[in-house]
Amino acid sequence: MSEIFEQTATSIPAMAWADRLRLPIQFDPALLLADLQRIEATAWTAHFVPQHYEGDWSVLPLRAPRGATHPILRITSNPGVSDWDDTEFLATSPYFRDVLARFKCPIDAARLMRLTPGSVIKDHSDHDLAAEWGYARLHIPVCTNPDVDFRLSGERVTMAPGSVWYLRLADRHSVINAGKTDRVHLVLDARMNDWLAAKLSAGVGA
């Protein structure tokens, strides 16, 4: 999308941030939910690593690798991909577009990730997802419930709708949705630059 900032990482401090940080950014939960409801009847794609979960963990791409047409390829987040395009789902989601425009750093993959009631994301790690290595995965809860148990390095992280979280998912993490409603997060894979480094440095741990 044209609003996505293309600054390169020129002077990012050589440091490691905490493994979980709530960024000083907040979005409107009602507007997030309205955009989700606008497109949620679409056919979601089951997550492409079935050994990592039990139940229903599915994805709807808002930004996808350029030229990708297969549903699986549209939801992958491959650091080797350099060109990303907005999808038709983002085109019909005005508030999600506004959300992405607030991030003055390059955004590669952007997708909605849904974990249905009774589903589990097993303990695992994503080896390349750490801010100090150049990629930060950001979570924005769209809808959740008190019985969602997200664990990072064995410790629970509770995230409210509309909040923005950096999570170092190169560390072990897992999720259990023991509630009766879906848990849906807007998940962004952001490339580190000075703007994002400053936001992380201003973030609050949990």
Protein backbone atom coordinates (compact mmCIF):
# COMPACT_ATOMS: atom_id res chain seq x y z
CA MET A 1 0.00 0.00 0.00
CA SER A 2 1.24 3.48 -0.79
CA GLU A 3 1.20 4.64 2.83
CA ILE A 4 3.67 2.00 4.02
CA PHE A 5 6.94 3.67 4.96
CA GLU A 6 9.99 2.44 3.07
CA GLN A 7 12.76 3.77 5.31
CA THR A 8 15.68 1.36 5.60
CA ALA A 9 17.17 0.40 8.95
CA THR A 10 20.12 2.79 9.14
CA SER A 11 20.79 3.44 12.80
CA ILE A 12 18.93 0.79 14.78
CA PRO A 13 20.65 0.43 18.16
CA ALA A 14 22.62 -2.76 18.67
CA MET A 15 20.48 -4.05 21.51
CA ALA A 16 18.06 -6.75 22.47
CA TRP A 17 14.58 -5.75 23.56
CA ALA A 18 12.41 -7.58 26.07
CA ASP A 19 10.66 -10.64 24.68
CA ARG A 20 7.23 -8.97 25.08
CA LEU A 21 6.41 -5.28 24.77
CA ARG A 22 3.14 -3.38 24.58
CA LEU A 23 3.82 -0.56 22.17
CA PRO A 24 2.57 3.00 22.80
CA ILE A 25 -0.04 2.63 20.04
CA GLN A 26 -3.73 1.90 20.52
CA PHE A 27 -6.49 1.16 18.00
CA ASP A 28 -10.27 1.27 18.30
CA PRO A 29 -11.55 -2.24 19.18
CA ALA A 30 -15.01 -1.54 17.75
CA LEU A 31 -13.62 -0.46 14.38
CA LEU A 32 -11.27 -3.46 14.26
CA LEU A 33 -14.21 -5.76 14.94
CA ALA A 34 -16.35 -4.04 12.30
CA ASP A 35 -13.74 -4.67 9.62
CA LEU A 36 -13.39 -8.29 10.72
CA GLN A 37 -17.14 -8.80 10.51
CA ARG A 38 -17.14 -7.29 7.03
CA ILE A 39 -14.86 -10.04 5.66
CA GLU A 40 -15.02 -12.94 8.13
CA ALA A 41 -17.49 -14.95 6.02
CA THR A 42 -14.69 -15.38 3.47
CA ALA A 43 -13.04 -18.78 3.13
CA TRP A 44 -10.09 -18.79 5.53
CA THR A 45 -7.00 -20.91 4.80
CA ALA A 46 -5.84 -23.48 7.33
CA HIS A 47 -2.39 -22.70 8.69
CA PHE A 48 0.28 -24.35 6.55
CA VAL A 49 2.16 -26.06 9.45
CA PRO A 50 -0.41 -28.60 10.72
CA GLN A 51 2.01 -30.20 13.18
CA HIS A 52 2.00 -26.96 15.16
CA TYR A 53 -1.66 -27.00 16.14
CA GLU A 54 -4.79 -28.97 16.96
CA GLY A 55 -8.25 -27.78 15.96
CA ASP A 56 -8.82 -24.80 13.68
CA TRP A 57 -6.05 -22.23 13.21
CA SER A 58 -6.68 -20.33 10.01
CA VAL A 59 -5.50 -17.26 8.15
CA LEU A 60 -6.88 -14.47 5.95
CA PRO A 61 -4.17 -12.50 4.10
CA LEU A 62 -4.28 -8.70 3.99
CA ARG A 63 -0.85 -8.43 2.36
CA ALA A 64 0.58 -11.31 0.35
CA PRO A 65 3.68 -12.06 -1.73
CA ARG A 66 3.42 -10.38 -5.11
CA GLY A 67 2.01 -12.68 -7.75
CA ALA A 68 0.99 -15.42 -5.31
CA THR A 69 -2.32 -17.04 -6.21
CA HIS A 70 -2.34 -20.35 -4.30
CA PRO A 71 -4.05 -19.90 -0.89
CA ILE A 72 -1.09 -21.38 0.99
CA LEU A 73 1.44 -19.14 -0.75
CA ARG A 74 -0.69 -16.10 0.04
CA ILE A 75 -0.47 -16.69 3.79
CA THR A 76 3.21 -17.59 4.09
CA SER A 77 5.70 -15.17 5.62
CA ASN A 78 8.97 -15.87 3.88
CA PRO A 79 11.80 -13.40 4.65
CA GLY A 80 13.17 -14.20 1.18
CA VAL A 81 10.18 -12.51 -0.45
CA SER A 82 10.94 -8.86 -1.22
CA ASP A 83 7.72 -7.70 -2.89
CA TRP A 84 4.34 -7.70 -1.14
CA ASP A 85 0.96 -6.45 -2.28
CA ASP A 86 -2.30 -5.56 -0.59
CA THR A 87 -5.03 -8.15 -1.11
CA GLU A 88 -8.69 -7.77 -1.99
CA PHE A 89 -9.52 -8.30 1.70
CA LEU A 90 -7.55 -5.22 2.71
CA ALA A 91 -9.17 -3.26 -0.10
CA THR A 92 -12.58 -3.71 1.54
CA SER A 93 -11.33 -3.05 5.10
CA PRO A 94 -10.96 0.71 5.63
CA TYR A 95 -9.90 0.57 9.26
CA PHE A 96 -7.34 -2.17 8.69
CA ARG A 97 -5.86 0.07 5.99
CA ASP A 98 -5.71 2.92 8.49
CA VAL A 99 -4.01 0.63 11.00
CA LEU A 100 -1.29 -0.39 8.58
CA ALA A 101 -0.72 3.23 7.58
CA ARG A 102 0.10 4.08 11.22
CA PHE A 103 3.25 1.96 11.05
CA LYS A 104 6.10 4.02 9.63
CA CYS A 105 8.16 0.94 8.90
CA PRO A 106 8.09 -1.58 6.04
CA ILE A 107 5.30 -4.14 6.50
CA ASP A 108 5.71 -7.43 4.67
CA ALA A 109 3.01 -9.97 5.59
CA ALA A 110 -0.19 -8.72 7.20
CA ARG A 111 -2.88 -11.23 8.00
CA LEU A 112 -5.74 -12.09 10.28
CA MET A 113 -5.09 -15.25 12.28
CA ARG A 114 -8.06 -17.04 13.87
CA LEU A 115 -7.96 -19.68 16.62
CA THR A 116 -11.39 -21.16 17.23
CA PRO A 117 -12.72 -22.34 20.63
CA GLY A 118 -11.03 -25.49 21.88
CA SER A 119 -8.09 -25.12 19.49
CA VAL A 120 -4.43 -25.21 20.52
CA ILE A 121 -1.23 -23.84 19.01
CA LYS A 122 1.44 -26.18 20.30
CA ASP A 123 4.67 -25.00 21.90
CA HIS A 124 7.11 -24.05 19.15
CA SER A 125 9.49 -21.30 18.02
CA ASP A 126 9.89 -19.29 14.81
CA HIS A 127 13.63 -19.04 14.45
CA ASP A 128 13.80 -15.79 12.44
CA LEU A 129 11.31 -13.62 14.36
CA ALA A 130 13.30 -11.36 16.67
CA ALA A 131 13.66 -7.60 16.41
CA GLU A 132 17.41 -7.70 16.97
CA TRP A 133 17.66 -9.90 13.88
CA GLY A 134 15.74 -7.45 11.72
CA TYR A 135 12.15 -8.75 11.81
CA ALA A 136 9.52 -7.92 14.43
CA ARG A 137 6.19 -9.73 14.59
CA LEU A 138 3.46 -7.46 15.92
CA HIS A 139 0.12 -8.69 17.27
CA ILE A 140 -3.02 -6.57 17.43
CA PRO A 141 -5.92 -8.46 19.07
CA VAL A 142 -9.18 -7.94 17.18
CA CYS A 143 -11.31 -10.23 19.33
CA THR A 144 -10.39 -12.49 22.20
CA ASN A 145 -11.74 -13.83 25.50
CA PRO A 146 -10.45 -14.24 29.08
CA ASP A 147 -9.84 -17.95 28.57
CA VAL A 148 -7.22 -17.49 25.85
CA ASP A 149 -3.90 -18.58 27.34
CA PHE A 150 -0.94 -17.27 25.33
CA ARG A 151 2.43 -18.36 26.70
CA LEU A 152 5.83 -16.96 25.75
CA SER A 153 8.82 -18.71 27.31
CA GLY A 154 6.36 -20.34 29.70
CA GLU A 155 4.89 -17.06 30.98
CA ARG A 156 1.37 -15.86 30.19
CA VAL A 157 0.84 -12.73 28.10
CA THR A 158 -2.63 -11.16 28.21
CA MET A 159 -3.42 -8.87 25.27
CA ALA A 160 -6.52 -6.67 25.09
CA PRO A 161 -8.33 -5.82 21.85
CA GLY A 162 -6.80 -2.82 20.11
CA SER A 163 -3.44 -3.02 21.88
CA VAL A 164 -0.22 -3.54 19.91
CA TRP A 165 2.34 -6.09 21.03
CA TYR A 166 5.82 -7.04 19.95
CA LEU A 167 6.51 -10.68 20.76
CA ARG A 168 9.91 -12.31 20.21
CA LEU A 169 8.59 -15.50 18.68
CA ALA A 170 12.04 -16.91 18.11
CA ASP A 171 11.43 -18.00 21.71
CA ARG A 172 9.09 -20.85 22.62
CA HIS A 173 5.41 -19.94 22.60
CA SER A 174 1.98 -21.57 22.62
CA VAL A 175 -1.72 -20.64 22.71
CA ILE A 176 -4.82 -22.39 24.07
CA ASN A 177 -8.26 -20.99 23.33
CA ALA A 178 -10.27 -22.49 26.17
CA GLY A 179 -13.07 -19.98 25.70
CA LYS A 180 -16.30 -20.09 23.74
CA THR A 181 -15.48 -17.45 21.13
CA ASP A 182 -12.86 -17.02 18.42
CA ARG A 183 -9.53 -15.41 19.10
CA VAL A 184 -8.53 -13.30 16.07
CA HIS A 185 -5.34 -11.24 15.88
CA LEU A 186 -4.11 -8.92 13.16
CA VAL A 187 -0.51 -10.05 12.76
CA LEU A 188 2.12 -7.89 11.05
CA ASP A 189 5.63 -8.87 10.06
CA ALA A 190 7.57 -5.62 10.17
CA ARG A 191 11.10 -4.86 9.11
CA MET A 192 13.09 -3.00 11.71
CA ASN A 193 13.92 0.65 11.15
CA ASP A 194 14.56 3.66 13.37
CA TRP A 195 10.84 4.39 13.86
CA LEU A 196 10.03 0.87 15.01
CA ALA A 197 13.13 0.69 17.19
CA ALA A 198 11.96 3.83 18.96
CA LYS A 199 8.49 2.37 19.50
CA LEU A 200 9.97 -0.81 20.94
CA SER A 201 12.22 1.18 23.23
CA ALA A 202 9.16 3.08 24.48
CA GLY A 203 7.16 -0.13 24.97
CA VAL A 204 6.06 -1.57 28.28
CA GLY A 205 6.82 -5.15 29.29
CA ALA A 206 4.27 -7.47 30.86
